[in-house]
Amino acid sequence: MTVGGAVAFNSSTTLSTLLNGIDVGTGYSRLVAASPIDLGGSTLSLNVGFEPQVGSTFEILTNTGPAPIIGTFNGLDEGVIFSQRGYQFQITYQGGTAGNSVVLTRLA
Protein backbone atom coordinates (compact mmCIF):
# COMPACT_ATOMS: atom_id res chain seq x y z
CA MET A 1 0.00 0.00 0.00
CA THR A 2 1.25 3.46 -0.86
CA VAL A 3 0.10 6.62 0.93
CA GLY A 4 0.77 10.05 -0.57
CA GLY A 5 1.14 11.77 2.80
CA ALA A 6 2.06 11.14 6.41
CA VAL A 7 0.99 8.12 8.44
CA ALA A 8 0.36 8.31 12.19
CA PHE A 9 -0.44 5.38 14.45
CA ASN A 10 -1.21 5.56 18.17
CA SER A 11 -1.02 3.23 21.15
CA SER A 12 -4.41 1.65 20.32
CA THR A 13 -3.32 0.76 16.77
CA THR A 14 -2.11 -2.73 15.82
CA LEU A 15 -0.20 -3.20 12.59
CA SER A 16 -0.83 -6.81 11.58
CA THR A 17 1.62 -8.06 8.97
CA LEU A 18 1.27 -11.37 7.16
CA LEU A 19 4.56 -12.99 6.19
CA ASN A 20 3.92 -15.67 3.55
CA GLY A 21 7.15 -15.34 1.57
CA ILE A 22 10.25 -13.22 1.09
CA ASP A 23 9.10 -11.15 -1.90
CA VAL A 24 7.49 -7.81 -1.13
CA GLY A 25 4.04 -7.51 -2.64
CA THR A 26 3.43 -11.24 -3.07
CA GLY A 27 5.03 -12.79 0.02
CA TYR A 28 4.42 -9.93 2.42
CA SER A 29 3.01 -6.43 2.31
CA ARG A 30 4.76 -3.12 2.84
CA LEU A 31 3.31 0.27 3.70
CA VAL A 32 5.05 3.08 1.81
CA ALA A 33 4.45 6.72 2.76
CA ALA A 34 5.73 9.87 1.06
CA SER A 35 5.93 11.74 4.36
CA PRO A 36 6.81 10.90 7.96
CA ILE A 37 5.59 7.70 9.58
CA ASP A 38 4.86 8.07 13.31
CA LEU A 39 4.49 4.70 15.05
CA GLY A 40 3.19 6.28 18.26
CA GLY A 41 3.75 3.22 20.47
CA SER A 42 1.48 1.04 18.32
CA THR A 43 1.62 -2.76 18.43
CA LEU A 44 3.26 -4.96 15.80
CA SER A 45 1.66 -8.35 15.20
CA LEU A 46 3.30 -10.82 12.81
CA ASN A 47 1.37 -13.68 11.26
CA VAL A 48 3.98 -16.02 9.84
CA GLY A 49 2.54 -18.39 7.23
CA PHE A 50 5.82 -20.03 6.18
CA GLU A 51 9.22 -20.80 7.66
CA PRO A 52 11.50 -17.90 6.75
CA GLN A 53 15.17 -18.77 6.47
CA VAL A 54 17.54 -17.33 9.05
CA GLY A 55 18.77 -14.01 7.66
CA SER A 56 15.59 -13.27 5.70
CA THR A 57 14.63 -9.58 5.84
CA PHE A 58 11.24 -7.92 5.59
CA GLU A 59 10.97 -4.17 4.93
CA ILE A 60 7.45 -3.63 6.29
CA LEU A 61 7.30 0.21 6.46
CA THR A 62 9.10 2.73 4.26
CA ASN A 63 9.15 6.52 4.30
CA THR A 64 10.24 7.68 0.83
CA GLY A 65 10.72 11.24 2.15
CA PRO A 66 13.82 12.48 3.97
CA ALA A 67 12.48 12.03 7.52
CA PRO A 68 13.32 9.02 9.67
CA ILE A 69 10.64 6.79 11.18
CA ILE A 70 9.23 8.53 14.28
CA GLY A 71 8.81 6.50 17.47
CA THR A 72 8.78 2.73 17.90
CA PHE A 73 6.35 -0.12 18.20
CA ASN A 74 5.32 -0.81 21.80
CA GLY A 75 8.13 -2.73 23.56
CA LEU A 76 10.29 -2.92 20.42
CA ASP A 77 13.15 -0.46 20.76
CA GLU A 78 15.79 -0.08 18.04
CA GLY A 79 17.77 -3.29 17.55
CA VAL A 80 15.75 -5.37 20.01
CA ILE A 81 15.37 -9.10 19.41
CA PHE A 82 11.83 -10.39 19.90
CA SER A 83 9.84 -13.56 19.31
CA GLN A 84 6.56 -13.92 17.49
CA ARG A 85 4.91 -17.12 16.30
CA GLY A 86 7.94 -19.12 17.47
CA TYR A 87 10.49 -17.19 15.41
CA GLN A 88 13.08 -14.66 16.56
CA PHE A 89 13.37 -11.35 14.72
CA GLN A 90 15.47 -8.24 15.15
CA ILE A 91 13.94 -4.85 14.34
CA THR A 92 15.51 -1.69 13.02
CA TYR A 93 13.82 1.62 12.33
CA GLN A 94 16.83 2.81 10.32
CA GLY A 95 16.78 0.18 7.56
CA GLY A 96 16.34 0.32 3.81
CA THR A 97 18.45 2.18 1.29
CA ALA A 98 17.75 5.63 2.78
CA GLY A 99 17.64 4.54 6.43
CA ASN A 100 13.94 5.45 6.68
CA SER A 101 12.41 1.99 6.87
CA VAL A 102 11.31 -0.54 9.45
CA VAL A 103 13.09 -3.78 8.65
CA LEU A 104 12.72 -7.15 10.38
CA THR A 105 15.47 -9.78 10.18
CA ARG A 106 14.82 -13.42 11.06
CA LEU A 107 17.49 -14.55 13.55
CA ALA A 108 16.41 -17.98 14.80
PDB file of N, CA and C in Angstrom:
ATOM      1  N   MET A   1       0.849  -1.165   0.000  1.00  0.00           N
ATOM      2  CA  MET A   1       0.000   0.000   0.000  1.00  0.00           C
ATOM      3  C   MET A   1       0.893   1.226   0.000  1.00  0.00           C
ATOM      4  N   THR A   2       0.520   2.205  -0.789  1.00  0.00           N
ATOM      5  CA  THR A   2       1.251   3.462  -0.858  1.00  0.00           C
ATOM      6  C   THR A   2       0.335   4.598  -0.437  1.00  0.00           C
ATOM      7  N   VAL A   3       0.848   5.462   0.434  1.00  0.00           N
ATOM      8  CA  VAL A   3       0.105   6.619   0.930  1.00  0.00           C
ATOM      9  C   VAL A   3       0.857   7.865   0.483  1.00  0.00           C
ATOM     10  N   GLY A   4       0.142   8.850  -0.052  1.00  0.00           N
ATOM     11  CA  GLY A   4       0.774  10.052  -0.565  1.00  0.00           C
ATOM     12  C   GLY A   4       1.207  11.048   0.497  1.00  0.00           C
ATOM     13  N   GLY A   5       0.797  10.839   1.734  1.00  0.00           N
ATOM     14  CA  GLY A   5       1.135  11.771   2.802  1.00  0.00           C
ATOM     15  C   GLY A   5       1.712  11.062   4.002  1.00  0.00           C
ATOM     16  N   ALA A   6       1.535  11.681   5.148  1.00  0.00           N
ATOM     17  CA  ALA A   6       2.056  11.144   6.407  1.00  0.00           C
ATOM     18  C   ALA A   6       1.145  10.037   6.930  1.00  0.00           C
ATOM     19  N   VAL A   7       1.727   9.193   7.773  1.00  0.00           N
ATOM     20  CA  VAL A   7       0.986   8.117   8.441  1.00  0.00           C
ATOM     21  C   VAL A   7       1.262   8.234   9.931  1.00  0.00           C
ATOM     22  N   ALA A   8       0.204   8.218  10.736  1.00  0.00           N
ATOM     23  CA  ALA A   8       0.359   8.309  12.188  1.00  0.00           C
ATOM     24  C   ALA A   8      -0.471   7.226  12.858  1.00  0.00           C
ATOM     25  N   PHE A   9       0.209   6.394  13.628  1.00  0.00           N
ATOM     26  CA  PHE A   9      -0.444   5.381  14.448  1.00  0.00           C
ATOM     27  C   PHE A   9      -0.475   5.896  15.878  1.00  0.00           C
ATOM     28  N   ASN A  10      -1.236   5.224  16.750  1.00  0.00           N
ATOM     29  CA  ASN A  10      -1.212   5.563  18.169  1.00  0.00           C
ATOM     30  C   ASN A  10      -1.194   4.278  18.980  1.00  0.00           C
ATOM     31  N   SER A  11      -1.194   4.398  20.279  1.00  0.00           N
ATOM     32  CA  SER A  11      -1.022   3.231  21.147  1.00  0.00           C
ATOM     33  C   SER A  11      -2.173   2.224  21.049  1.00  0.00           C
ATOM     34  N   SER A  12      -3.310   2.615  20.486  1.00  0.00           N
ATOM     35  CA  SER A  12      -4.406   1.651  20.324  1.00  0.00           C
ATOM     36  C   SER A  12      -4.409   0.990  18.945  1.00  0.00           C
ATOM     37  N   THR A  13      -3.433   1.326  18.113  1.00  0.00           N
ATOM     38  CA  THR A  13      -3.324   0.758  16.772  1.00  0.00           C
ATOM     39  C   THR A  13      -2.479  -0.511  16.794  1.00  0.00           C
ATOM     40  N   THR A  14      -2.910  -1.526  16.042  1.00  0.00           N
ATOM     41  CA  THR A  14      -2.109  -2.731  15.824  1.00  0.00           C
ATOM     42  C   THR A  14      -1.849  -2.867  14.338  1.00  0.00           C
ATOM     43  N   LEU A  15      -0.578  -2.933  13.969  1.00  0.00           N
ATOM     44  CA  LEU A  15      -0.199  -3.202  12.589  1.00  0.00           C
ATOM     45  C   LEU A  15      -0.005  -4.706  12.478  1.00  0.00           C
ATOM     46  N   SER A  16      -0.896  -5.361  11.766  1.00  0.00           N
ATOM     47  CA  SER A  16      -0.835  -6.807  11.582  1.00  0.00           C
ATOM     48  C   SER A  16      -0.227  -7.082  10.221  1.00  0.00           C
ATOM     49  N   THR A  17       0.897  -7.778  10.204  1.00  0.00           N
ATOM     50  CA  THR A  17       1.615  -8.056   8.968  1.00  0.00           C
ATOM     51  C   THR A  17       1.677  -9.553   8.732  1.00  0.00           C
ATOM     52  N   LEU A  18       1.240  -9.962   7.546  1.00  0.00           N
ATOM     53  CA  LEU A  18       1.266 -11.365   7.156  1.00  0.00           C
ATOM     54  C   LEU A  18       2.552 -11.635   6.393  1.00  0.00           C
ATOM     55  N   LEU A  19       3.333 -12.579   6.877  1.00  0.00           N
ATOM     56  CA  LEU A  19       4.560 -12.993   6.192  1.00  0.00           C
ATOM     57  C   LEU A  19       4.316 -14.370   5.579  1.00  0.00           C
ATOM     58  N   ASN A  20       4.149 -14.409   4.254  1.00  0.00           N
ATOM     59  CA  ASN A  20       3.920 -15.674   3.551  1.00  0.00           C
ATOM     60  C   ASN A  20       5.010 -15.965   2.535  1.00  0.00           C
ATOM     61  N   GLY A  21       6.041 -15.167   2.497  1.00  0.00           N
ATOM     62  CA  GLY A  21       7.147 -15.336   1.565  1.00  0.00           C
ATOM     63  C   GLY A  21       8.107 -14.177   1.698  1.00  0.00           C
ATOM     64  N   ILE A  22       9.206 -14.237   0.941  1.00  0.00           N
ATOM     65  CA  ILE A  22      10.247 -13.217   1.091  1.00  0.00           C
ATOM     66  C   ILE A  22      10.136 -12.081   0.084  1.00  0.00           C
ATOM     67  N   ASP A  23       9.229 -12.184  -0.876  1.00  0.00           N
ATOM     68  CA  ASP A  23       9.098 -11.149  -1.898  1.00  0.00           C
ATOM     69  C   ASP A  23       8.037 -10.131  -1.504  1.00  0.00           C
ATOM     70  N   VAL A  24       8.437  -8.858  -1.464  1.00  0.00           N
ATOM     71  CA  VAL A  24       7.487  -7.809  -1.125  1.00  0.00           C
ATOM     72  C   VAL A  24       6.394  -7.759  -2.187  1.00  0.00           C
ATOM     73  N   GLY A  25       5.170  -7.592  -1.734  1.00  0.00           N
ATOM     74  CA  GLY A  25       4.038  -7.512  -2.643  1.00  0.00           C
ATOM     75  C   GLY A  25       3.316  -8.830  -2.847  1.00  0.00           C
ATOM     76  N   THR A  26       4.064  -9.931  -2.921  1.00  0.00           N
ATOM     77  CA  THR A  26       3.435 -11.243  -3.072  1.00  0.00           C
ATOM     78  C   THR A  26       3.619 -12.103  -1.831  1.00  0.00           C
ATOM     79  N   GLY A  27       4.763 -12.003  -1.179  1.00  0.00           N
ATOM     80  CA  GLY A  27       5.027 -12.795   0.019  1.00  0.00           C
ATOM     81  C   GLY A  27       4.677 -12.064   1.304  1.00  0.00           C
ATOM     82  N   TYR A  28       4.784 -10.752   1.261  1.00  0.00           N
ATOM     83  CA  TYR A  28       4.418  -9.927   2.418  1.00  0.00           C
ATOM     84  C   TYR A  28       4.108  -8.525   1.918  1.00  0.00           C
ATOM     85  N   SER A  29       3.381  -7.781   2.723  1.00  0.00           N
ATOM     86  CA  SER A  29       3.014  -6.428   2.311  1.00  0.00           C
ATOM     87  C   SER A  29       3.912  -5.392   2.965  1.00  0.00           C
ATOM     88  N   ARG A  30       3.974  -4.234   2.313  1.00  0.00           N
ATOM     89  CA  ARG A  30       4.764  -3.120   2.839  1.00  0.00           C
ATOM     90  C   ARG A  30       3.936  -1.850   2.701  1.00  0.00           C
ATOM     91  N   LEU A  31       3.945  -1.034   3.733  1.00  0.00           N
ATOM     92  CA  LEU A  31       3.306   0.275   3.704  1.00  0.00           C
ATOM     93  C   LEU A  31       4.366   1.300   3.341  1.00  0.00           C
ATOM     94  N   VAL A  32       4.119   2.043   2.274  1.00  0.00           N
ATOM     95  CA  VAL A  32       5.046   3.077   1.811  1.00  0.00           C
ATOM     96  C   VAL A  32       4.344   4.421   1.939  1.00  0.00           C
ATOM     97  N   ALA A  33       4.999   5.380   2.593  1.00  0.00           N
ATOM     98  CA  ALA A  33       4.446   6.719   2.757  1.00  0.00           C
ATOM     99  C   ALA A  33       5.432   7.749   2.212  1.00  0.00           C
ATOM    100  N   ALA A  34       4.891   8.823   1.631  1.00  0.00           N
ATOM    101  CA  ALA A  34       5.727   9.871   1.059  1.00  0.00           C
ATOM    102  C   ALA A  34       6.129  10.927   2.082  1.00  0.00           C
ATOM    103  N   SER A  35       5.637  10.795   3.279  1.00  0.00           N
ATOM    104  CA  SER A  35       5.929  11.739   4.359  1.00  0.00           C
ATOM    105  C   SER A  35       6.211  10.936   5.623  1.00  0.00           C
ATOM    106  N   PRO A  36       6.442  11.611   6.739  1.00  0.00           N
ATOM    107  CA  PRO A  36       6.806  10.896   7.962  1.00  0.00           C
ATOM    108  C   PRO A  36       5.820   9.808   8.379  1.00  0.00           C
ATOM    109  N   ILE A  37       6.368   8.771   8.980  1.00  0.00           N
ATOM    110  CA  ILE A  37       5.588   7.696   9.580  1.00  0.00           C
ATOM    111  C   ILE A  37       5.832   7.761  11.083  1.00  0.00           C
ATOM    112  N   ASP A  38       4.778   7.991  11.849  1.00  0.00           N
ATOM    113  CA  ASP A  38       4.856   8.066  13.307  1.00  0.00           C
ATOM    114  C   ASP A  38       4.203   6.815  13.880  1.00  0.00           C
ATOM    115  N   LEU A  39       5.005   5.970  14.512  1.00  0.00           N
ATOM    116  CA  LEU A  39       4.494   4.702  15.046  1.00  0.00           C
ATOM    117  C   LEU A  39       3.719   4.882  16.344  1.00  0.00           C
ATOM    118  N   GLY A  40       3.988   5.912  17.101  1.00  0.00           N
ATOM    119  CA  GLY A  40       3.186   6.278  18.260  1.00  0.00           C
ATOM    120  C   GLY A  40       2.966   5.205  19.311  1.00  0.00           C
ATOM    121  N   GLY A  41       3.909   4.266  19.456  1.00  0.00           N
ATOM    122  CA  GLY A  41       3.748   3.219  20.467  1.00  0.00           C
ATOM    123  C   GLY A  41       2.724   2.166  20.083  1.00  0.00           C
ATOM    124  N   SER A  42       2.436   2.044  18.795  1.00  0.00           N
ATOM    125  CA  SER A  42       1.483   1.041  18.318  1.00  0.00           C
ATOM    126  C   SER A  42       2.052  -0.364  18.512  1.00  0.00           C
ATOM    127  N   THR A  43       1.225  -1.365  18.250  1.00  0.00           N
ATOM    128  CA  THR A  43       1.616  -2.759  18.432  1.00  0.00           C
ATOM    129  C   THR A  43       1.889  -3.400  17.076  1.00  0.00           C
ATOM    130  N   LEU A  44       2.954  -4.186  16.998  1.00  0.00           N
ATOM    131  CA  LEU A  44       3.265  -4.959  15.800  1.00  0.00           C
ATOM    132  C   LEU A  44       2.864  -6.405  16.035  1.00  0.00           C
ATOM    133  N   SER A  45       2.078  -6.948  15.130  1.00  0.00           N
ATOM    134  CA  SER A  45       1.664  -8.351  15.203  1.00  0.00           C
ATOM    135  C   SER A  45       2.051  -9.038  13.903  1.00  0.00           C
ATOM    136  N   LEU A  46       2.878 -10.068  13.995  1.00  0.00           N
ATOM    137  CA  LEU A  46       3.298 -10.821  12.813  1.00  0.00           C
ATOM    138  C   LEU A  46       2.515 -12.121  12.727  1.00  0.00           C
ATOM    139  N   ASN A  47       2.012 -12.399  11.550  1.00  0.00           N
ATOM    140  CA  ASN A  47       1.368 -13.677  11.262  1.00  0.00           C
ATOM    141  C   ASN A  47       2.243 -14.377  10.236  1.00  0.00           C
ATOM    142  N   VAL A  48       2.997 -15.356  10.695  1.00  0.00           N
ATOM    143  CA  VAL A  48       3.976 -16.017   9.845  1.00  0.00           C
ATOM    144  C   VAL A  48       3.350 -17.276   9.254  1.00  0.00           C
ATOM    145  N   GLY A  49       3.189 -17.277   7.922  1.00  0.00           N
ATOM    146  CA  GLY A  49       2.543 -18.386   7.234  1.00  0.00           C
ATOM    147  C   GLY A  49       3.502 -19.306   6.518  1.00  0.00           C
ATOM    148  N   PHE A  50       4.805 -19.143   6.751  1.00  0.00           N
ATOM    149  CA  PHE A  50       5.823 -20.025   6.177  1.00  0.00           C
ATOM    150  C   PHE A  50       7.026 -19.981   7.093  1.00  0.00           C
ATOM    151  N   GLU A  51       8.022 -20.804   6.822  1.00  0.00           N
ATOM    152  CA  GLU A  51       9.223 -20.801   7.661  1.00  0.00           C
ATOM    153  C   GLU A  51      10.314 -19.991   6.974  1.00  0.00           C
ATOM    154  N   PRO A  52      10.461 -18.715   7.384  1.00  0.00           N
ATOM    155  CA  PRO A  52      11.498 -17.895   6.748  1.00  0.00           C
ATOM    156  C   PRO A  52      12.890 -18.378   7.151  1.00  0.00           C
ATOM    157  N   GLN A  53      13.795 -18.369   6.182  1.00  0.00           N
ATOM    158  CA  GLN A  53      15.170 -18.773   6.470  1.00  0.00           C
ATOM    159  C   GLN A  53      15.824 -17.754   7.400  1.00  0.00           C
ATOM    160  N   VAL A  54      16.751 -18.231   8.212  1.00  0.00           N
ATOM    161  CA  VAL A  54      17.538 -17.331   9.054  1.00  0.00           C
ATOM    162  C   VAL A  54      18.254 -16.346   8.135  1.00  0.00           C
ATOM    163  N   GLY A  55      18.172 -15.071   8.472  1.00  0.00           N
ATOM    164  CA  GLY A  55      18.771 -14.013   7.665  1.00  0.00           C
ATOM    165  C   GLY A  55      17.796 -13.340   6.717  1.00  0.00           C
ATOM    166  N   SER A  56      16.604 -13.896   6.556  1.00  0.00           N
ATOM    167  CA  SER A  56      15.587 -13.274   5.704  1.00  0.00           C
ATOM    168  C   SER A  56      15.210 -11.913   6.278  1.00  0.00           C
ATOM    169  N   THR A  57      15.012 -10.919   5.396  1.00  0.00           N
ATOM    170  CA  THR A  57      14.632  -9.583   5.841  1.00  0.00           C
ATOM    171  C   THR A  57      13.292  -9.193   5.235  1.00  0.00           C
ATOM    172  N   PHE A  58      12.560  -8.379   5.985  1.00  0.00           N
ATOM    173  CA  PHE A  58      11.237  -7.924   5.585  1.00  0.00           C
ATOM    174  C   PHE A  58      11.152  -6.420   5.862  1.00  0.00           C
ATOM    175  N   GLU A  59      11.091  -5.620   4.811  1.00  0.00           N
ATOM    176  CA  GLU A  59      10.972  -4.169   4.932  1.00  0.00           C
ATOM    177  C   GLU A  59       9.470  -3.860   4.952  1.00  0.00           C
ATOM    178  N   ILE A  60       8.907  -3.704   6.157  1.00  0.00           N
ATOM    179  CA  ILE A  60       7.454  -3.626   6.290  1.00  0.00           C
ATOM    180  C   ILE A  60       6.898  -2.209   6.235  1.00  0.00           C
ATOM    181  N   LEU A  61       7.713  -1.199   6.530  1.00  0.00           N
ATOM    182  CA  LEU A  61       7.302   0.210   6.458  1.00  0.00           C
ATOM    183  C   LEU A  61       8.431   1.010   5.829  1.00  0.00           C
ATOM    184  N   THR A  62       8.085   1.905   4.900  1.00  0.00           N
ATOM    185  CA  THR A  62       9.103   2.733   4.258  1.00  0.00           C
ATOM    186  C   THR A  62       8.595   4.157   4.115  1.00  0.00           C
ATOM    187  N   ASN A  63       9.409   5.109   4.529  1.00  0.00           N
ATOM    188  CA  ASN A  63       9.149   6.521   4.296  1.00  0.00           C
ATOM    189  C   ASN A  63      10.042   6.935   3.135  1.00  0.00           C
ATOM    190  N   THR A  64       9.442   7.290   1.997  1.00  0.00           N
ATOM    191  CA  THR A  64      10.236   7.685   0.833  1.00  0.00           C
ATOM    192  C   THR A  64      10.731   9.128   0.928  1.00  0.00           C
ATOM    193  N   GLY A  65      10.244   9.871   1.922  1.00  0.00           N
ATOM    194  CA  GLY A  65      10.723  11.236   2.152  1.00  0.00           C
ATOM    195  C   GLY A  65      12.017  11.216   2.949  1.00  0.00           C
ATOM    196  N   PRO A  66      12.527  12.392   3.283  1.00  0.00           N
ATOM    197  CA  PRO A  66      13.817  12.479   3.973  1.00  0.00           C
ATOM    198  C   PRO A  66      13.769  12.215   5.480  1.00  0.00           C
ATOM    199  N   ALA A  67      12.579  12.164   6.063  1.00  0.00           N
ATOM    200  CA  ALA A  67      12.476  12.035   7.519  1.00  0.00           C
ATOM    201  C   ALA A  67      12.629  10.581   7.966  1.00  0.00           C
ATOM    202  N   PRO A  68      13.243  10.378   9.117  1.00  0.00           N
ATOM    203  CA  PRO A  68      13.320   9.015   9.667  1.00  0.00           C
ATOM    204  C   PRO A  68      11.961   8.582  10.216  1.00  0.00           C
ATOM    205  N   ILE A  69      11.833   7.309  10.510  1.00  0.00           N
ATOM    206  CA  ILE A  69      10.644   6.789  11.184  1.00  0.00           C
ATOM    207  C   ILE A  69      10.594   7.441  12.566  1.00  0.00           C
ATOM    208  N   ILE A  70       9.404   7.880  12.981  1.00  0.00           N
ATOM    209  CA  ILE A  70       9.229   8.525  14.282  1.00  0.00           C
ATOM    210  C   ILE A  70       8.677   7.497  15.270  1.00  0.00           C
ATOM    211  N   GLY A  71       9.294   7.394  16.432  1.00  0.00           N
ATOM    212  CA  GLY A  71       8.810   6.497  17.470  1.00  0.00           C
ATOM    213  C   GLY A  71       9.146   5.039  17.202  1.00  0.00           C
ATOM    214  N   THR A  72       8.551   4.173  18.015  1.00  0.00           N
ATOM    215  CA  THR A  72       8.779   2.735  17.895  1.00  0.00           C
ATOM    216  C   THR A  72       7.464   2.005  18.131  1.00  0.00           C
ATOM    217  N   PHE A  73       7.466   0.721  17.801  1.00  0.00           N
ATOM    218  CA  PHE A  73       6.349  -0.124  18.203  1.00  0.00           C
ATOM    219  C   PHE A  73       6.471  -0.368  19.706  1.00  0.00           C
ATOM    220  N   ASN A  74       5.358  -0.579  20.364  1.00  0.00           N
ATOM    221  CA  ASN A  74       5.320  -0.806  21.805  1.00  0.00           C
ATOM    222  C   ASN A  74       6.229  -1.979  22.192  1.00  0.00           C
ATOM    223  N   GLY A  75       7.224  -1.703  23.050  1.00  0.00           N
ATOM    224  CA  GLY A  75       8.125  -2.734  23.556  1.00  0.00           C
ATOM    225  C   GLY A  75       9.208  -3.172  22.597  1.00  0.00           C
ATOM    226  N   LEU A  76       9.298  -2.520  21.432  1.00  0.00           N
ATOM    227  CA  LEU A  76      10.291  -2.923  20.424  1.00  0.00           C
ATOM    228  C   LEU A  76      11.225  -1.762  20.105  1.00  0.00           C
ATOM    229  N   ASP A  77      12.169  -1.518  20.987  1.00  0.00           N
ATOM    230  CA  ASP A  77      13.152  -0.457  20.764  1.00  0.00           C
ATOM    231  C   ASP A  77      14.089  -0.830  19.621  1.00  0.00           C
ATOM    232  N   GLU A  78      14.825   0.139  19.118  1.00  0.00           N
ATOM    233  CA  GLU A  78      15.786  -0.079  18.041  1.00  0.00           C
ATOM    234  C   GLU A  78      16.731  -1.237  18.362  1.00  0.00           C
ATOM    235  N   GLY A  79      16.832  -2.182  17.434  1.00  0.00           N
ATOM    236  CA  GLY A  79      17.775  -3.293  17.549  1.00  0.00           C
ATOM    237  C   GLY A  79      17.345  -4.431  18.448  1.00  0.00           C
ATOM    238  N   VAL A  80      16.184  -4.328  19.081  1.00  0.00           N
ATOM    239  CA  VAL A  80      15.754  -5.371  20.009  1.00  0.00           C
ATOM    240  C   VAL A  80      15.460  -6.671  19.252  1.00  0.00           C
ATOM    241  N   ILE A  81      15.712  -7.769  19.926  1.00  0.00           N
ATOM    242  CA  ILE A  81      15.369  -9.097  19.414  1.00  0.00           C
ATOM    243  C   ILE A  81      14.088  -9.527  20.111  1.00  0.00           C
ATOM    244  N   PHE A  82      13.115  -9.987  19.333  1.00  0.00           N
ATOM    245  CA  PHE A  82      11.832 -10.386  19.896  1.00  0.00           C
ATOM    246  C   PHE A  82      11.337 -11.654  19.213  1.00  0.00           C
ATOM    247  N   SER A  83      10.412 -12.326  19.861  1.00  0.00           N
ATOM    248  CA  SER A  83       9.839 -13.556  19.311  1.00  0.00           C
ATOM    249  C   SER A  83       8.368 -13.354  18.997  1.00  0.00           C
ATOM    250  N   GLN A  84       7.973 -13.853  17.857  1.00  0.00           N
ATOM    251  CA  GLN A  84       6.559 -13.923  17.494  1.00  0.00           C
ATOM    252  C   GLN A  84       6.359 -15.177  16.675  1.00  0.00           C
ATOM    253  N   ARG A  85       5.298 -15.892  17.008  1.00  0.00           N
ATOM    254  CA  ARG A  85       4.913 -17.124  16.303  1.00  0.00           C
ATOM    255  C   ARG A  85       6.040 -18.154  16.286  1.00  0.00           C
ATOM    256  N   GLY A  86       6.877 -18.130  17.344  1.00  0.00           N
ATOM    257  CA  GLY A  86       7.944 -19.117  17.467  1.00  0.00           C
ATOM    258  C   GLY A  86       9.226 -18.782  16.732  1.00  0.00           C
ATOM    259  N   TYR A  87       9.294 -17.618  16.139  1.00  0.00           N
ATOM    260  CA  TYR A  87      10.490 -17.190  15.409  1.00  0.00           C
ATOM    261  C   TYR A  87      11.081 -15.958  16.079  1.00  0.00           C
ATOM    262  N   GLN A  88      12.414 -15.837  16.032  1.00  0.00           N
ATOM    263  CA  GLN A  88      13.082 -14.656  16.565  1.00  0.00           C
ATOM    264  C   GLN A  88      13.398 -13.694  15.430  1.00  0.00           C
ATOM    265  N   PHE A  89      13.096 -12.419  15.678  1.00  0.00           N
ATOM    266  CA  PHE A  89      13.374 -11.354  14.721  1.00  0.00           C
ATOM    267  C   PHE A  89      14.117 -10.230  15.436  1.00  0.00           C
ATOM    268  N   GLN A  90      14.875  -9.473  14.653  1.00  0.00           N
ATOM    269  CA  GLN A  90      15.467  -8.236  15.153  1.00  0.00           C
ATOM    270  C   GLN A  90      14.862  -7.104  14.340  1.00  0.00           C
ATOM    271  N   ILE A  91      14.588  -5.992  15.005  1.00  0.00           N
ATOM    272  CA  ILE A  91      13.944  -4.853  14.338  1.00  0.00           C
ATOM    273  C   ILE A  91      14.893  -3.671  14.268  1.00  0.00           C
ATOM    274  N   THR A  92      14.838  -2.972  13.132  1.00  0.00           N
ATOM    275  CA  THR A  92      15.513  -1.690  13.015  1.00  0.00           C
ATOM    276  C   THR A  92      14.534  -0.701  12.402  1.00  0.00           C
ATOM    277  N   TYR A  93      14.626   0.527  12.855  1.00  0.00           N
ATOM    278  CA  TYR A  93      13.818   1.615  12.328  1.00  0.00           C
ATOM    279  C   TYR A  93      14.658   2.485  11.400  1.00  0.00           C
ATOM    280  N   GLN A  94      15.876   2.057  11.135  1.00  0.00           N
ATOM    281  CA  GLN A  94      16.827   2.807  10.317  1.00  0.00           C
ATOM    282  C   GLN A  94      17.285   1.976   9.122  1.00  0.00           C
ATOM    283  N   GLY A  95      16.423   1.086   8.651  1.00  0.00           N
ATOM    284  CA  GLY A  95      16.778   0.183   7.562  1.00  0.00           C
ATOM    285  C   GLY A  95      16.458   0.762   6.198  1.00  0.00           C
ATOM    286  N   GLY A  96      16.607  -0.078   5.190  1.00  0.00           N
ATOM    287  CA  GLY A  96      16.339   0.323   3.813  1.00  0.00           C
ATOM    288  C   GLY A  96      17.463   1.144   3.244  1.00  0.00           C
ATOM    289  N   THR A  97      17.366   1.466   1.973  1.00  0.00           N
ATOM    290  CA  THR A  97      18.448   2.176   1.291  1.00  0.00           C
ATOM    291  C   THR A  97      18.664   3.593   1.809  1.00  0.00           C
ATOM    292  N   ALA A  98      17.615   4.255   2.269  1.00  0.00           N
ATOM    293  CA  ALA A  98      17.750   5.628   2.777  1.00  0.00           C
ATOM    294  C   ALA A  98      17.766   5.695   4.300  1.00  0.00           C
ATOM    295  N   GLY A  99      17.652   4.549   4.967  1.00  0.00           N
ATOM    296  CA  GLY A  99      17.640   4.542   6.432  1.00  0.00           C
ATOM    297  C   GLY A  99      16.326   4.996   7.040  1.00  0.00           C
ATOM    298  N   ASN A 100      15.247   4.986   6.230  1.00  0.00           N
ATOM    299  CA  ASN A 100      13.943   5.454   6.679  1.00  0.00           C
ATOM    300  C   ASN A 100      12.900   4.344   6.658  1.00  0.00           C
ATOM    301  N   SER A 101      13.319   3.131   6.943  1.00  0.00           N
ATOM    302  CA  SER A 101      12.408   1.990   6.868  1.00  0.00           C
ATOM    303  C   SER A 101      12.472   1.144   8.123  1.00  0.00           C
ATOM    304  N   VAL A 102      11.348   0.468   8.394  1.00  0.00           N
ATOM    305  CA  VAL A 102      11.312  -0.538   9.454  1.00  0.00           C
ATOM    306  C   VAL A 102      11.599  -1.886   8.788  1.00  0.00           C
ATOM    307  N   VAL A 103      12.670  -2.519   9.236  1.00  0.00           N
ATOM    308  CA  VAL A 103      13.090  -3.785   8.652  1.00  0.00           C
ATOM    309  C   VAL A 103      13.201  -4.834   9.752  1.00  0.00           C
ATOM    310  N   LEU A 104      12.631  -5.998   9.486  1.00  0.00           N
ATOM    311  CA  LEU A 104      12.722  -7.146  10.379  1.00  0.00           C
ATOM    312  C   LEU A 104      13.676  -8.163   9.778  1.00  0.00           C
ATOM    313  N   THR A 105      14.552  -8.741  10.623  1.00  0.00           N
ATOM    314  CA  THR A 105      15.470  -9.782  10.179  1.00  0.00           C
ATOM    315  C   THR A 105      15.237 -11.017  11.004  1.00  0.00           C
ATOM    316  N   ARG A 106      15.017 -12.147  10.350  1.00  0.00           N
ATOM    317  CA  ARG A 106      14.824 -13.423  11.061  1.00  0.00           C
ATOM    318  C   ARG A 106      16.174 -13.887  11.605  1.00  0.00           C
ATOM    319  N   LEU A 107      16.243 -14.116  12.916  1.00  0.00           N
ATOM    320  CA  LEU A 107      17.488 -14.552  13.547  1.00  0.00           C
ATOM    321  C   LEU A 107      17.491 -16.040  13.852  1.00  0.00           C
ATOM    322  N   ALA A 108      16.437 -16.556  14.428  1.00  0.00           N
ATOM    323  CA  ALA A 108      16.413 -17.980  14.801  1.00  0.00           C
ATOM    324  C   ALA A 108      14.982 -18.467  14.848  1.00  0.00           C
TER     325      ALA A 108
END
